[in-house]
């Protein structure tokens, strides 16, 4: 017999909100979910995201500029671009190309993992001109 994990209304709402937001912190999720659940607490959101991440239903993404954990619904292995201007986080897929270059630079050491690139997005670049 397969045991199906309990799925609270908050877990379901978090997954829907994350699909809309792409990446979000607990505070961002709380702000969105309070429209539907006005009495929702930060603790409940924290517990629900921890439960979802622990079950592999959402992923942990690179933290925001303040160090807050961000969550992601994209469960496939992927990399990220973080804008140093606005802190936007975008999914990218560059590890397969970049890791080969890094390994070569390190004289064929074995390298693995996902990559987070920091730069300035096109919107922030427009503001700099």
C-alpha atoms as a PDB file:
ATOM      1  CA  UNK A   1       0.000   0.000   0.000  1.00  0.00           C
ATOM      2  CA  UNK A   2       1.363   3.407  -1.010  1.00  0.00           C
ATOM      3  CA  UNK A   3       1.013   6.194   1.519  1.00  0.00           C
ATOM      4  CA  UNK A   4       0.089   9.519  -0.089  1.00  0.00           C
ATOM      5  CA  UNK A   5       1.493  12.520   1.811  1.00  0.00           C
ATOM      6  CA  UNK A   6      -1.014  14.916   3.305  1.00  0.00           C
ATOM      7  CA  UNK A   7      -1.589  17.935   1.080  1.00  0.00           C
ATOM      8  CA  UNK A   8      -3.011  20.895   2.964  1.00  0.00           C
ATOM      9  CA  UNK A   9      -4.897  23.713   1.294  1.00  0.00           C
ATOM     10  CA  UNK A  10      -1.893  25.901   2.052  1.00  0.00           C
ATOM     11  CA  UNK A  11       0.543  23.560   0.308  1.00  0.00           C
ATOM     12  CA  UNK A  12      -1.707  23.522  -2.747  1.00  0.00           C
ATOM     13  CA  UNK A  13      -2.028  27.318  -2.688  1.00  0.00           C
ATOM     14  CA  UNK A  14       1.759  27.697  -2.381  1.00  0.00           C
ATOM     15  CA  UNK A  15       2.322  25.528  -5.435  1.00  0.00           C
ATOM     16  CA  UNK A  16      -0.171  27.604  -7.441  1.00  0.00           C
ATOM     17  CA  UNK A  17       1.415  30.876  -6.265  1.00  0.00           C
ATOM     18  CA  UNK A  18       4.906  29.622  -7.130  1.00  0.00           C
ATOM     19  CA  UNK A  19       3.780  28.723 -10.636  1.00  0.00           C
ATOM     20  CA  UNK A  20       2.645  32.330 -11.015  1.00  0.00           C
ATOM     21  CA  UNK A  21       5.719  33.912  -9.377  1.00  0.00           C
ATOM     22  CA  UNK A  22       8.354  31.493 -10.745  1.00  0.00           C
ATOM     23  CA  UNK A  23      10.609  32.001  -7.680  1.00  0.00           C
ATOM     24  CA  UNK A  24       9.523  33.348  -4.297  1.00  0.00           C
ATOM     25  CA  UNK A  25      10.522  33.699  -0.665  1.00  0.00           C
ATOM     26  CA  UNK A  26       8.231  32.760   2.203  1.00  0.00           C
ATOM     27  CA  UNK A  27       7.459  36.479   2.729  1.00  0.00           C
ATOM     28  CA  UNK A  28       6.490  36.907  -0.927  1.00  0.00           C
ATOM     29  CA  UNK A  29       4.320  33.803  -0.781  1.00  0.00           C
ATOM     30  CA  UNK A  30       2.683  35.040   2.418  1.00  0.00           C
ATOM     31  CA  UNK A  31       1.809  38.379   0.781  1.00  0.00           C
ATOM     32  CA  UNK A  32       0.162  36.607  -2.172  1.00  0.00           C
ATOM     33  CA  UNK A  33      -1.614  33.962  -0.085  1.00  0.00           C
ATOM     34  CA  UNK A  34      -3.043  36.452   2.412  1.00  0.00           C
ATOM     35  CA  UNK A  35      -5.378  37.659  -0.347  1.00  0.00           C
ATOM     36  CA  UNK A  36      -7.035  34.238  -0.167  1.00  0.00           C
ATOM     37  CA  UNK A  37      -6.262  33.413   3.479  1.00  0.00           C
ATOM     38  CA  UNK A  38      -6.201  36.712   5.457  1.00  0.00           C
ATOM     39  CA  UNK A  39      -5.259  35.060   8.774  1.00  0.00           C
ATOM     40  CA  UNK A  40      -2.450  32.912   7.349  1.00  0.00           C
ATOM     41  CA  UNK A  41       0.699  33.089   9.483  1.00  0.00           C
ATOM     42  CA  UNK A  42       4.324  33.268   8.400  1.00  0.00           C
ATOM     43  CA  UNK A  43       4.979  30.115  10.438  1.00  0.00           C
ATOM     44  CA  UNK A  44       2.384  28.160   8.471  1.00  0.00           C
ATOM     45  CA  UNK A  45       3.945  29.251   5.165  1.00  0.00           C
ATOM     46  CA  UNK A  46       7.416  28.322   6.445  1.00  0.00           C
ATOM     47  CA  UNK A  47       6.252  24.864   7.549  1.00  0.00           C
ATOM     48  CA  UNK A  48       4.384  24.268   4.283  1.00  0.00           C
ATOM     49  CA  UNK A  49       7.335  25.267   2.064  1.00  0.00           C
ATOM     50  CA  UNK A  50       9.679  23.131   4.180  1.00  0.00           C
ATOM     51  CA  UNK A  51       7.287  20.183   3.823  1.00  0.00           C
ATOM     52  CA  UNK A  52       6.945  20.666   0.049  1.00  0.00           C
ATOM     53  CA  UNK A  53      10.718  21.014  -0.410  1.00  0.00           C
ATOM     54  CA  UNK A  54      11.363  17.988   1.811  1.00  0.00           C
ATOM     55  CA  UNK A  55       9.027  15.901  -0.340  1.00  0.00           C
ATOM     56  CA  UNK A  56      10.684  17.175  -3.520  1.00  0.00           C
ATOM     57  CA  UNK A  57       7.528  18.907  -4.739  1.00  0.00           C
ATOM     58  CA  UNK A  58       9.248  22.299  -4.908  1.00  0.00           C
ATOM     59  CA  UNK A  59      12.940  23.120  -5.121  1.00  0.00           C
ATOM     60  CA  UNK A  60      15.139  25.456  -3.132  1.00  0.00           C
ATOM     61  CA  UNK A  61      16.543  28.225  -5.342  1.00  0.00           C
ATOM     62  CA  UNK A  62      19.415  30.641  -4.696  1.00  0.00           C
ATOM     63  CA  UNK A  63      18.629  33.109  -1.878  1.00  0.00           C
ATOM     64  CA  UNK A  64      17.668  36.715  -2.467  1.00  0.00           C
ATOM     65  CA  UNK A  65      19.981  39.659  -1.709  1.00  0.00           C
ATOM     66  CA  UNK A  66      18.872  39.617   1.949  1.00  0.00           C
ATOM     67  CA  UNK A  67      19.733  35.919   2.262  1.00  0.00           C
ATOM     68  CA  UNK A  68      16.113  34.702   2.357  1.00  0.00           C
ATOM     69  CA  UNK A  69      15.499  31.266   0.846  1.00  0.00           C
ATOM     70  CA  UNK A  70      13.647  31.301  -2.461  1.00  0.00           C
ATOM     71  CA  UNK A  71      11.595  28.405  -3.766  1.00  0.00           C
ATOM     72  CA  UNK A  72      11.127  27.167  -7.305  1.00  0.00           C
ATOM     73  CA  UNK A  73       8.586  24.885  -9.016  1.00  0.00           C
ATOM     74  CA  UNK A  74      11.096  23.917 -11.709  1.00  0.00           C
ATOM     75  CA  UNK A  75      12.300  20.541 -10.453  1.00  0.00           C
ATOM     76  CA  UNK A  76      14.542  19.819 -13.444  1.00  0.00           C
ATOM     77  CA  UNK A  77      18.260  20.382 -12.934  1.00  0.00           C
ATOM     78  CA  UNK A  78      18.944  23.961 -14.022  1.00  0.00           C
ATOM     79  CA  UNK A  79      21.062  26.998 -13.328  1.00  0.00           C
ATOM     80  CA  UNK A  80      20.122  30.555 -12.397  1.00  0.00           C
ATOM     81  CA  UNK A  81      20.850  34.156 -13.340  1.00  0.00           C
ATOM     82  CA  UNK A  82      20.497  36.720 -10.529  1.00  0.00           C
ATOM     83  CA  UNK A  83      20.287  40.416 -11.355  1.00  0.00           C
ATOM     84  CA  UNK A  84      22.485  42.419  -8.990  1.00  0.00           C
ATOM     85  CA  UNK A  85      20.285  45.459  -9.618  1.00  0.00           C
ATOM     86  CA  UNK A  86      16.727  44.271  -9.000  1.00  0.00           C
ATOM     87  CA  UNK A  87      17.439  40.791  -7.513  1.00  0.00           C
ATOM     88  CA  UNK A  88      15.328  39.068 -10.180  1.00  0.00           C
ATOM     89  CA  UNK A  89      16.041  35.343 -10.456  1.00  0.00           C
ATOM     90  CA  UNK A  90      15.768  33.595 -13.821  1.00  0.00           C
ATOM     91  CA  UNK A  91      16.160  29.964 -14.814  1.00  0.00           C
ATOM     92  CA  UNK A  92      18.914  29.219 -17.326  1.00  0.00           C
ATOM     93  CA  UNK A  93      20.644  26.021 -18.460  1.00  0.00           C
ATOM     94  CA  UNK A  94      24.382  26.474 -18.909  1.00  0.00           C
ATOM     95  CA  UNK A  95      26.088  23.917 -16.655  1.00  0.00           C
ATOM     96  CA  UNK A  96      26.756  21.361 -19.380  1.00  0.00           C
ATOM     97  CA  UNK A  97      28.728  23.935 -21.401  1.00  0.00           C
ATOM     98  CA  UNK A  98      30.401  25.859 -18.591  1.00  0.00           C
ATOM     99  CA  UNK A  99      31.483  22.925 -16.427  1.00  0.00           C
ATOM    100  CA  UNK A 100      33.610  21.546 -19.278  1.00  0.00           C
ATOM    101  CA  UNK A 101      35.431  24.888 -19.524  1.00  0.00           C
ATOM    102  CA  UNK A 102      35.923  25.030 -15.759  1.00  0.00           C
ATOM    103  CA  UNK A 103      37.263  21.466 -15.672  1.00  0.00           C
ATOM    104  CA  UNK A 104      39.724  22.303 -18.437  1.00  0.00           C
ATOM    105  CA  UNK A 105      40.843  25.473 -16.607  1.00  0.00           C
ATOM    106  CA  UNK A 106      41.395  23.379 -13.465  1.00  0.00           C
ATOM    107  CA  UNK A 107      43.504  20.924 -15.462  1.00  0.00           C
ATOM    108  CA  UNK A 108      40.826  18.272 -15.792  1.00  0.00           C
ATOM    109  CA  UNK A 109      39.592  18.208 -12.211  1.00  0.00           C
ATOM    110  CA  UNK A 110      36.112  16.724 -11.933  1.00  0.00           C
ATOM    111  CA  UNK A 111      33.569  19.491 -11.429  1.00  0.00           C
ATOM    112  CA  UNK A 112      29.827  19.170 -10.949  1.00  0.00           C
ATOM    113  CA  UNK A 113      26.848  21.049  -9.644  1.00  0.00           C
ATOM    114  CA  UNK A 114      24.587  23.822 -10.729  1.00  0.00           C
ATOM    115  CA  UNK A 115      25.680  27.375 -11.498  1.00  0.00           C
ATOM    116  CA  UNK A 116      24.372  30.762 -10.381  1.00  0.00           C
ATOM    117  CA  UNK A 117      25.505  33.682 -12.535  1.00  0.00           C
ATOM    118  CA  UNK A 118      25.216  37.261 -11.296  1.00  0.00           C
ATOM    119  CA  UNK A 119      24.920  40.254 -13.600  1.00  0.00           C
ATOM    120  CA  UNK A 120      22.553  43.036 -14.572  1.00  0.00           C
ATOM    121  CA  UNK A 121      19.298  42.296 -16.400  1.00  0.00           C
ATOM    122  CA  UNK A 122      18.202  44.224 -19.504  1.00  0.00           C
ATOM    123  CA  UNK A 123      15.712  46.326 -17.504  1.00  0.00           C
ATOM    124  CA  UNK A 124      18.384  47.421 -15.037  1.00  0.00           C
ATOM    125  CA  UNK A 125      20.827  48.032 -17.897  1.00  0.00           C
ATOM    126  CA  UNK A 126      18.347  50.481 -19.434  1.00  0.00           C
ATOM    127  CA  UNK A 127      18.316  52.437 -16.165  1.00  0.00           C
ATOM    128  CA  UNK A 128      22.117  52.725 -16.167  1.00  0.00           C
ATOM    129  CA  UNK A 129      22.284  54.448 -19.554  1.00  0.00           C
END
